[in-house]
Amino acid sequence: MGKGRFFIGAVVGAVAGVVAGVLTVPKSGKETRADLHQKAVDLKQNVSDKTEDVLEKSGDLASDMKERVDRSIEGAKKGFTEKE
């Protein structure tokens, strides 16, 4: 759970930093809104990319763990039948 909370905290911190940075630059309201919109689009894409990476890695990890468990079960079955 710690990594998930860290990721959420990092995203919230990044959003707050971007908003603070954009709002403190002296620009017209129209330019500021356009900048905020672009930063939101970029952030959404970045989060989407990171989410895909995490899901892919967790799927790989789950597959690897399943293979290990299957091998362990087969080894246990083989050891059990050899002792009989």
PDB file of N, CA and C in Angstrom:
ATOM      1  N   MET A   1       0.809  -1.200   0.000  1.00  0.00           N
ATOM      2  CA  MET A   1       0.000   0.000   0.000  1.00  0.00           C
ATOM      3  C   MET A   1       0.852   1.263   0.000  1.00  0.00           C
ATOM      4  N   GLY A   2       2.081   1.192   0.525  1.00  0.00           N
ATOM      5  CA  GLY A   2       2.928   2.367   0.613  1.00  0.00           C
ATOM      6  C   GLY A   2       3.265   2.947  -0.746  1.00  0.00           C
ATOM      7  N   LYS A   3       3.531   2.073  -1.729  1.00  0.00           N
ATOM      8  CA  LYS A   3       3.877   2.558  -3.066  1.00  0.00           C
ATOM      9  C   LYS A   3       2.673   3.227  -3.728  1.00  0.00           C
ATOM     10  N   GLY A   4       1.490   2.690  -3.518  1.00  0.00           N
ATOM     11  CA  GLY A   4       0.288   3.279  -4.096  1.00  0.00           C
ATOM     12  C   GLY A   4       0.018   4.653  -3.532  1.00  0.00           C
ATOM     13  N   ARG A   5       0.189   4.785  -2.228  1.00  0.00           N
ATOM     14  CA  ARG A   5      -0.013   6.095  -1.596  1.00  0.00           C
ATOM     15  C   ARG A   5       1.043   7.090  -2.052  1.00  0.00           C
ATOM     16  N   PHE A   6       2.272   6.607  -2.204  1.00  0.00           N
ATOM     17  CA  PHE A   6       3.332   7.482  -2.682  1.00  0.00           C
ATOM     18  C   PHE A   6       3.020   7.989  -4.084  1.00  0.00           C
ATOM     19  N   PHE A   7       2.558   7.089  -4.956  1.00  0.00           N
ATOM     20  CA  PHE A   7       2.236   7.468  -6.333  1.00  0.00           C
ATOM     21  C   PHE A   7       1.130   8.517  -6.347  1.00  0.00           C
ATOM     22  N   ILE A   8       0.095   8.309  -5.557  1.00  0.00           N
ATOM     23  CA  ILE A   8      -1.006   9.281  -5.491  1.00  0.00           C
ATOM     24  C   ILE A   8      -0.495  10.611  -4.947  1.00  0.00           C
ATOM     25  N   GLY A   9       0.326  10.551  -3.922  1.00  0.00           N
ATOM     26  CA  GLY A   9       0.888  11.782  -3.363  1.00  0.00           C
ATOM     27  C   GLY A   9       1.753  12.518  -4.368  1.00  0.00           C
ATOM     28  N   ALA A  10       2.523  11.758  -5.149  1.00  0.00           N
ATOM     29  CA  ALA A  10       3.371  12.375  -6.166  1.00  0.00           C
ATOM     30  C   ALA A  10       2.535  13.059  -7.236  1.00  0.00           C
ATOM     31  N   VAL A  11       1.443  12.419  -7.644  1.00  0.00           N
ATOM     32  CA  VAL A  11       0.561  13.010  -8.659  1.00  0.00           C
ATOM     33  C   VAL A  11      -0.084  14.285  -8.116  1.00  0.00           C
ATOM     34  N   VAL A  12      -0.591  14.223  -6.890  1.00  0.00           N
ATOM     35  CA  VAL A  12      -1.223  15.403  -6.285  1.00  0.00           C
ATOM     36  C   VAL A  12      -0.198  16.527  -6.141  1.00  0.00           C
ATOM     37  N   GLY A  13       1.001  16.193  -5.711  1.00  0.00           N
ATOM     38  CA  GLY A  13       2.052  17.202  -5.580  1.00  0.00           C
ATOM     39  C   GLY A  13       2.424  17.827  -6.910  1.00  0.00           C
ATOM     40  N   ALA A  14       2.496  16.994  -7.952  1.00  0.00           N
ATOM     41  CA  ALA A  14       2.818  17.516  -9.283  1.00  0.00           C
ATOM     42  C   ALA A  14       1.733  18.463  -9.773  1.00  0.00           C
ATOM     43  N   VAL A  15       0.483  18.089  -9.565  1.00  0.00           N
ATOM     44  CA  VAL A  15      -0.635  18.946  -9.979  1.00  0.00           C
ATOM     45  C   VAL A  15      -0.583  20.275  -9.230  1.00  0.00           C
ATOM     46  N   ALA A  16      -0.373  20.212  -7.931  1.00  0.00           N
ATOM     47  CA  ALA A  16      -0.310  21.445  -7.139  1.00  0.00           C
ATOM     48  C   ALA A  16       0.841  22.326  -7.599  1.00  0.00           C
ATOM     49  N   GLY A  17       1.987  21.732  -7.878  1.00  0.00           N
ATOM     50  CA  GLY A  17       3.132  22.501  -8.350  1.00  0.00           C
ATOM     51  C   GLY A  17       2.892  23.160  -9.694  1.00  0.00           C
ATOM     52  N   VAL A  18       2.279  22.421 -10.599  1.00  0.00           N
ATOM     53  CA  VAL A  18       1.983  22.970 -11.930  1.00  0.00           C
ATOM     54  C   VAL A  18       0.996  24.123 -11.819  1.00  0.00           C
ATOM     55  N   VAL A  19      -0.055  23.914 -11.063  1.00  0.00           N
ATOM     56  CA  VAL A  19      -1.071  24.966 -10.909  1.00  0.00           C
ATOM     57  C   VAL A  19      -0.451  26.203 -10.272  1.00  0.00           C
ATOM     58  N   ALA A  20       0.321  26.020  -9.215  1.00  0.00           N
ATOM     59  CA  ALA A  20       0.956  27.161  -8.554  1.00  0.00           C
ATOM     60  C   ALA A  20       1.897  27.883  -9.518  1.00  0.00           C
ATOM     61  N   GLY A  21       2.661  27.128 -10.284  1.00  0.00           N
ATOM     62  CA  GLY A  21       3.589  27.735 -11.233  1.00  0.00           C
ATOM     63  C   GLY A  21       2.882  28.507 -12.323  1.00  0.00           C
ATOM     64  N   VAL A  22       1.813  27.930 -12.856  1.00  0.00           N
ATOM     65  CA  VAL A  22       1.087  28.592 -13.942  1.00  0.00           C
ATOM     66  C   VAL A  22       0.369  29.838 -13.434  1.00  0.00           C
ATOM     67  N   LEU A  23      -0.179  29.770 -12.242  1.00  0.00           N
ATOM     68  CA  LEU A  23      -0.946  30.901 -11.722  1.00  0.00           C
ATOM     69  C   LEU A  23      -0.066  32.067 -11.275  1.00  0.00           C
ATOM     70  N   THR A  24       1.198  31.823 -10.984  1.00  0.00           N
ATOM     71  CA  THR A  24       2.067  32.914 -10.533  1.00  0.00           C
ATOM     72  C   THR A  24       2.768  33.637 -11.682  1.00  0.00           C
ATOM     73  N   VAL A  25       2.693  33.095 -12.886  1.00  0.00           N
ATOM     74  CA  VAL A  25       3.308  33.750 -14.044  1.00  0.00           C
ATOM     75  C   VAL A  25       2.358  34.826 -14.552  1.00  0.00           C
ATOM     76  N   PRO A  26       2.861  36.043 -14.777  1.00  0.00           N
ATOM     77  CA  PRO A  26       1.981  37.124 -15.235  1.00  0.00           C
ATOM     78  C   PRO A  26       1.588  36.950 -16.707  1.00  0.00           C
ATOM     79  N   LYS A  27       0.391  36.430 -16.914  1.00  0.00           N
ATOM     80  CA  LYS A  27      -0.156  36.255 -18.262  1.00  0.00           C
ATOM     81  C   LYS A  27      -1.619  36.651 -18.219  1.00  0.00           C
ATOM     82  N   SER A  28      -2.206  36.767 -19.401  1.00  0.00           N
ATOM     83  CA  SER A  28      -3.632  37.055 -19.462  1.00  0.00           C
ATOM     84  C   SER A  28      -4.410  35.822 -19.009  1.00  0.00           C
ATOM     85  N   GLY A  29      -5.665  36.029 -18.670  1.00  0.00           N
ATOM     86  CA  GLY A  29      -6.514  34.924 -18.241  1.00  0.00           C
ATOM     87  C   GLY A  29      -6.642  33.858 -19.316  1.00  0.00           C
ATOM     88  N   LYS A  30      -6.750  34.295 -20.569  1.00  0.00           N
ATOM     89  CA  LYS A  30      -6.894  33.348 -21.673  1.00  0.00           C
ATOM     90  C   LYS A  30      -5.635  32.488 -21.807  1.00  0.00           C
ATOM     91  N   GLU A  31      -4.478  33.114 -21.720  1.00  0.00           N
ATOM     92  CA  GLU A  31      -3.220  32.370 -21.815  1.00  0.00           C
ATOM     93  C   GLU A  31      -3.064  31.410 -20.630  1.00  0.00           C
ATOM     94  N   THR A  32      -3.435  31.876 -19.454  1.00  0.00           N
ATOM     95  CA  THR A  32      -3.328  31.035 -18.255  1.00  0.00           C
ATOM     96  C   THR A  32      -4.231  29.814 -18.378  1.00  0.00           C
ATOM     97  N   ARG A  33      -5.460  30.015 -18.837  1.00  0.00           N
ATOM     98  CA  ARG A  33      -6.388  28.890 -19.010  1.00  0.00           C
ATOM     99  C   ARG A  33      -5.863  27.909 -20.050  1.00  0.00           C
ATOM    100  N   ALA A  34      -5.288  28.425 -21.124  1.00  0.00           N
ATOM    101  CA  ALA A  34      -4.720  27.551 -22.157  1.00  0.00           C
ATOM    102  C   ALA A  34      -3.542  26.749 -21.595  1.00  0.00           C
ATOM    103  N   ASP A  35      -2.691  27.415 -20.805  1.00  0.00           N
ATOM    104  CA  ASP A  35      -1.571  26.717 -20.180  1.00  0.00           C
ATOM    105  C   ASP A  35      -2.058  25.628 -19.225  1.00  0.00           C
ATOM    106  N   LEU A  36      -3.043  25.956 -18.392  1.00  0.00           N
ATOM    107  CA  LEU A  36      -3.597  24.972 -17.458  1.00  0.00           C
ATOM    108  C   LEU A  36      -4.182  23.780 -18.202  1.00  0.00           C
ATOM    109  N   HIS A  37      -4.887  24.073 -19.280  1.00  0.00           N
ATOM    110  CA  HIS A  37      -5.482  22.993 -20.068  1.00  0.00           C
ATOM    111  C   HIS A  37      -4.396  22.083 -20.636  1.00  0.00           C
ATOM    112  N   GLN A  38      -3.347  22.679 -21.204  1.00  0.00           N
ATOM    113  CA  GLN A  38      -2.270  21.882 -21.792  1.00  0.00           C
ATOM    114  C   GLN A  38      -1.552  21.061 -20.730  1.00  0.00           C
ATOM    115  N   LYS A  39      -1.297  21.680 -19.580  1.00  0.00           N
ATOM    116  CA  LYS A  39      -0.636  20.945 -18.491  1.00  0.00           C
ATOM    117  C   LYS A  39      -1.519  19.795 -18.016  1.00  0.00           C
ATOM    118  N   ALA A  40      -2.826  19.991 -17.951  1.00  0.00           N
ATOM    119  CA  ALA A  40      -3.743  18.926 -17.540  1.00  0.00           C
ATOM    120  C   ALA A  40      -3.724  17.784 -18.548  1.00  0.00           C
ATOM    121  N   VAL A  41      -3.711  18.118 -19.830  1.00  0.00           N
ATOM    122  CA  VAL A  41      -3.651  17.087 -20.878  1.00  0.00           C
ATOM    123  C   VAL A  41      -2.344  16.306 -20.762  1.00  0.00           C
ATOM    124  N   ASP A  42      -1.230  17.021 -20.576  1.00  0.00           N
ATOM    125  CA  ASP A  42       0.075  16.362 -20.426  1.00  0.00           C
ATOM    126  C   ASP A  42       0.103  15.464 -19.198  1.00  0.00           C
ATOM    127  N   LEU A  43      -0.420  15.964 -18.085  1.00  0.00           N
ATOM    128  CA  LEU A  43      -0.433  15.184 -16.851  1.00  0.00           C
ATOM    129  C   LEU A  43      -1.307  13.941 -17.001  1.00  0.00           C
ATOM    130  N   LYS A  44      -2.442  14.094 -17.646  1.00  0.00           N
ATOM    131  CA  LYS A  44      -3.332  12.949 -17.862  1.00  0.00           C
ATOM    132  C   LYS A  44      -2.623  11.875 -18.682  1.00  0.00           C
ATOM    133  N   GLN A  45      -1.916  12.281 -19.716  1.00  0.00           N
ATOM    134  CA  GLN A  45      -1.182  11.325 -20.549  1.00  0.00           C
ATOM    135  C   GLN A  45      -0.065  10.651 -19.754  1.00  0.00           C
ATOM    136  N   ASN A  46       0.629  11.438 -18.952  1.00  0.00           N
ATOM    137  CA  ASN A  46       1.711  10.898 -18.132  1.00  0.00           C
ATOM    138  C   ASN A  46       1.174   9.872 -17.133  1.00  0.00           C
ATOM    139  N   VAL A  47       0.084  10.196 -16.470  1.00  0.00           N
ATOM    140  CA  VAL A  47      -0.524   9.266 -15.512  1.00  0.00           C
ATOM    141  C   VAL A  47      -1.006   8.013 -16.238  1.00  0.00           C
ATOM    142  N   SER A  48      -1.586   8.181 -17.401  1.00  0.00           N
ATOM    143  CA  SER A  48      -2.058   7.040 -18.189  1.00  0.00           C
ATOM    144  C   SER A  48      -0.885   6.127 -18.561  1.00  0.00           C
ATOM    145  N   ASP A  49       0.223   6.725 -19.000  1.00  0.00           N
ATOM    146  CA  ASP A  49       1.410   5.944 -19.357  1.00  0.00           C
ATOM    147  C   ASP A  49       1.955   5.189 -18.147  1.00  0.00           C
ATOM    148  N   LYS A  50       2.042   5.881 -17.015  1.00  0.00           N
ATOM    149  CA  LYS A  50       2.564   5.246 -15.797  1.00  0.00           C
ATOM    150  C   LYS A  50       1.632   4.126 -15.335  1.00  0.00           C
ATOM    151  N   THR A  51       0.336   4.331 -15.460  1.00  0.00           N
ATOM    152  CA  THR A  51      -0.626   3.307 -15.066  1.00  0.00           C
ATOM    153  C   THR A  51      -0.467   2.068 -15.934  1.00  0.00           C
ATOM    154  N   GLU A  52      -0.295   2.268 -17.231  1.00  0.00           N
ATOM    155  CA  GLU A  52      -0.060   1.133 -18.136  1.00  0.00           C
ATOM    156  C   GLU A  52       1.202   0.379 -17.743  1.00  0.00           C
ATOM    157  N   ASP A  53       2.262   1.116 -17.414  1.00  0.00           N
ATOM    158  CA  ASP A  53       3.510   0.474 -17.005  1.00  0.00           C
ATOM    159  C   ASP A  53       3.309  -0.368 -15.744  1.00  0.00           C
ATOM    160  N   VAL A  54       2.617   0.202 -14.770  1.00  0.00           N
ATOM    161  CA  VAL A  54       2.383  -0.503 -13.514  1.00  0.00           C
ATOM    162  C   VAL A  54       1.543  -1.749 -13.751  1.00  0.00           C
ATOM    163  N   LEU A  55       0.496  -1.624 -14.551  1.00  0.00           N
ATOM    164  CA  LEU A  55      -0.355  -2.778 -14.828  1.00  0.00           C
ATOM    165  C   LEU A  55       0.415  -3.867 -15.571  1.00  0.00           C
ATOM    166  N   GLU A  56       1.248  -3.468 -16.512  1.00  0.00           N
ATOM    167  CA  GLU A  56       2.045  -4.440 -17.260  1.00  0.00           C
ATOM    168  C   GLU A  56       3.018  -5.172 -16.332  1.00  0.00           C
ATOM    169  N   LYS A  57       3.693  -4.403 -15.476  1.00  0.00           N
ATOM    170  CA  LYS A  57       4.655  -5.009 -14.553  1.00  0.00           C
ATOM    171  C   LYS A  57       3.956  -5.904 -13.541  1.00  0.00           C
ATOM    172  N   SER A  58       2.785  -5.479 -13.062  1.00  0.00           N
ATOM    173  CA  SER A  58       2.073  -6.318 -12.090  1.00  0.00           C
ATOM    174  C   SER A  58       1.546  -7.583 -12.764  1.00  0.00           C
ATOM    175  N   GLY A  59       1.143  -7.492 -14.024  1.00  0.00           N
ATOM    176  CA  GLY A  59       0.720  -8.681 -14.764  1.00  0.00           C
ATOM    177  C   GLY A  59       1.868  -9.644 -14.966  1.00  0.00           C
ATOM    178  N   ASP A  60       3.051  -9.109 -15.290  1.00  0.00           N
ATOM    179  CA  ASP A  60       4.238  -9.950 -15.441  1.00  0.00           C
ATOM    180  C   ASP A  60       4.591 -10.621 -14.119  1.00  0.00           C
ATOM    181  N   LEU A  61       4.500  -9.856 -13.047  1.00  0.00           N
ATOM    182  CA  LEU A  61       4.810 -10.401 -11.730  1.00  0.00           C
ATOM    183  C   LEU A  61       3.817 -11.498 -11.357  1.00  0.00           C
ATOM    184  N   ALA A  62       2.538 -11.272 -11.617  1.00  0.00           N
ATOM    185  CA  ALA A  62       1.524 -12.279 -11.311  1.00  0.00           C
ATOM    186  C   ALA A  62       1.757 -13.549 -12.117  1.00  0.00           C
ATOM    187  N   SER A  63       2.104 -13.401 -13.378  1.00  0.00           N
ATOM    188  CA  SER A  63       2.379 -14.553 -14.225  1.00  0.00           C
ATOM    189  C   SER A  63       3.591 -15.326 -13.713  1.00  0.00           C
ATOM    190  N   ASP A  64       4.628 -14.608 -13.338  1.00  0.00           N
ATOM    191  CA  ASP A  64       5.836 -15.241 -12.802  1.00  0.00           C
ATOM    192  C   ASP A  64       5.524 -15.981 -11.505  1.00  0.00           C
ATOM    193  N   MET A  65       4.755 -15.360 -10.639  1.00  0.00           N
ATOM    194  CA  MET A  65       4.397 -16.007  -9.371  1.00  0.00           C
ATOM    195  C   MET A  65       3.555 -17.249  -9.611  1.00  0.00           C
ATOM    196  N   LYS A  66       2.645 -17.200 -10.576  1.00  0.00           N
ATOM    197  CA  LYS A  66       1.808 -18.361 -10.885  1.00  0.00           C
ATOM    198  C   LYS A  66       2.682 -19.521 -11.363  1.00  0.00           C
ATOM    199  N   GLU A  67       3.652 -19.217 -12.213  1.00  0.00           N
ATOM    200  CA  GLU A  67       4.564 -20.257 -12.704  1.00  0.00           C
ATOM    201  C   GLU A  67       5.355 -20.876 -11.552  1.00  0.00           C
ATOM    202  N   ARG A  68       5.827 -20.041 -10.636  1.00  0.00           N
ATOM    203  CA  ARG A  68       6.581 -20.544  -9.493  1.00  0.00           C
ATOM    204  C   ARG A  68       5.712 -21.424  -8.592  1.00  0.00           C
ATOM    205  N   VAL A  69       4.500 -20.994  -8.351  1.00  0.00           N
ATOM    206  CA  VAL A  69       3.583 -21.784  -7.516  1.00  0.00           C
ATOM    207  C   VAL A  69       3.274 -23.108  -8.198  1.00  0.00           C
ATOM    208  N   ASP A  70       3.014 -23.069  -9.501  1.00  0.00           N
ATOM    209  CA  ASP A  70       2.733 -24.305 -10.239  1.00  0.00           C
ATOM    210  C   ASP A  70       3.912 -25.275 -10.158  1.00  0.00           C
ATOM    211  N   ARG A  71       5.144 -24.750 -10.314  1.00  0.00           N
ATOM    212  CA  ARG A  71       6.326 -25.609 -10.206  1.00  0.00           C
ATOM    213  C   ARG A  71       6.468 -26.182  -8.799  1.00  0.00           C
ATOM    214  N   SER A  72       6.175 -25.367  -7.799  1.00  0.00           N
ATOM    215  CA  SER A  72       6.262 -25.845  -6.416  1.00  0.00           C
ATOM    216  C   SER A  72       5.245 -26.942  -6.147  1.00  0.00           C
ATOM    217  N   ILE A  73       4.046 -26.752  -6.653  1.00  0.00           N
ATOM    218  CA  ILE A  73       2.996 -27.764  -6.471  1.00  0.00           C
ATOM    219  C   ILE A  73       3.397 -29.061  -7.160  1.00  0.00           C
ATOM    220  N   GLU A  74       3.904 -28.947  -8.381  1.00  0.00           N
ATOM    221  CA  GLU A  74       4.339 -30.146  -9.108  1.00  0.00           C
ATOM    222  C   GLU A  74       5.476 -30.841  -8.364  1.00  0.00           C
ATOM    223  N   GLY A  75       6.415 -30.064  -7.838  1.00  0.00           N
ATOM    224  CA  GLY A  75       7.511 -30.642  -7.073  1.00  0.00           C
ATOM    225  C   GLY A  75       7.013 -31.323  -5.810  1.00  0.00           C
ATOM    226  N   ALA A  76       6.054 -30.706  -5.142  1.00  0.00           N
ATOM    227  CA  ALA A  76       5.494 -31.305  -3.927  1.00  0.00           C
ATOM    228  C   ALA A  76       4.751 -32.591  -4.260  1.00  0.00           C
ATOM    229  N   LYS A  77       3.992 -32.582  -5.358  1.00  0.00           N
ATOM    230  CA  LYS A  77       3.273 -33.796  -5.767  1.00  0.00           C
ATOM    231  C   LYS A  77       4.260 -34.915  -6.084  1.00  0.00           C
ATOM    232  N   LYS A  78       5.321 -34.563  -6.806  1.00  0.00           N
ATOM    233  CA  LYS A  78       6.320 -35.561  -7.189  1.00  0.00           C
ATOM    234  C   LYS A  78       6.997 -36.124  -5.939  1.00  0.00           C
ATOM    235  N   GLY A  79       7.361 -35.244  -5.008  1.00  0.00           N
ATOM    236  CA  GLY A  79       7.992 -35.689  -3.774  1.00  0.00           C
ATOM    237  C   GLY A  79       7.055 -36.551  -2.944  1.00  0.00           C
ATOM    238  N   PHE A  80       5.797 -36.221  -2.915  1.00  0.00           N
ATOM    239  CA  PHE A  80       4.813 -36.976  -2.143  1.00  0.00           C
ATOM    240  C   PHE A  80       4.612 -38.360  -2.731  1.00  0.00           C
ATOM    241  N   THR A  81       4.496 -38.454  -4.063  1.00  0.00           N
ATOM    242  CA  THR A  81       4.260 -39.757  -4.691  1.00  0.00           C
ATOM    243  C   THR A  81       5.506 -40.636  -4.644  1.00  0.00           C
ATOM    244  N   GLU A  82       6.697 -40.055  -4.631  1.00  0.00           N
ATOM    245  CA  GLU A  82       7.918 -40.853  -4.543  1.00  0.00           C
ATOM    246  C   GLU A  82       8.089 -41.481  -3.170  1.00  0.00           C
ATOM    247  N   LYS A  83       7.548 -40.847  -2.136  1.00  0.00           N
ATOM    248  CA  LYS A  83       7.681 -41.350  -0.767  1.00  0.00           C
ATOM    249  C   LYS A  83       6.720 -42.483  -0.475  1.00  0.00           C
ATOM    250  N   GLU A  84       5.681 -42.618  -1.282  1.00  0.00           N
ATOM    251  CA  GLU A  84       4.665 -43.658  -1.007  1.00  0.00           C
ATOM    252  C   GLU A  84       5.125 -45.000  -1.379  1.00  0.00           C
TER     253      GLU A  84
END
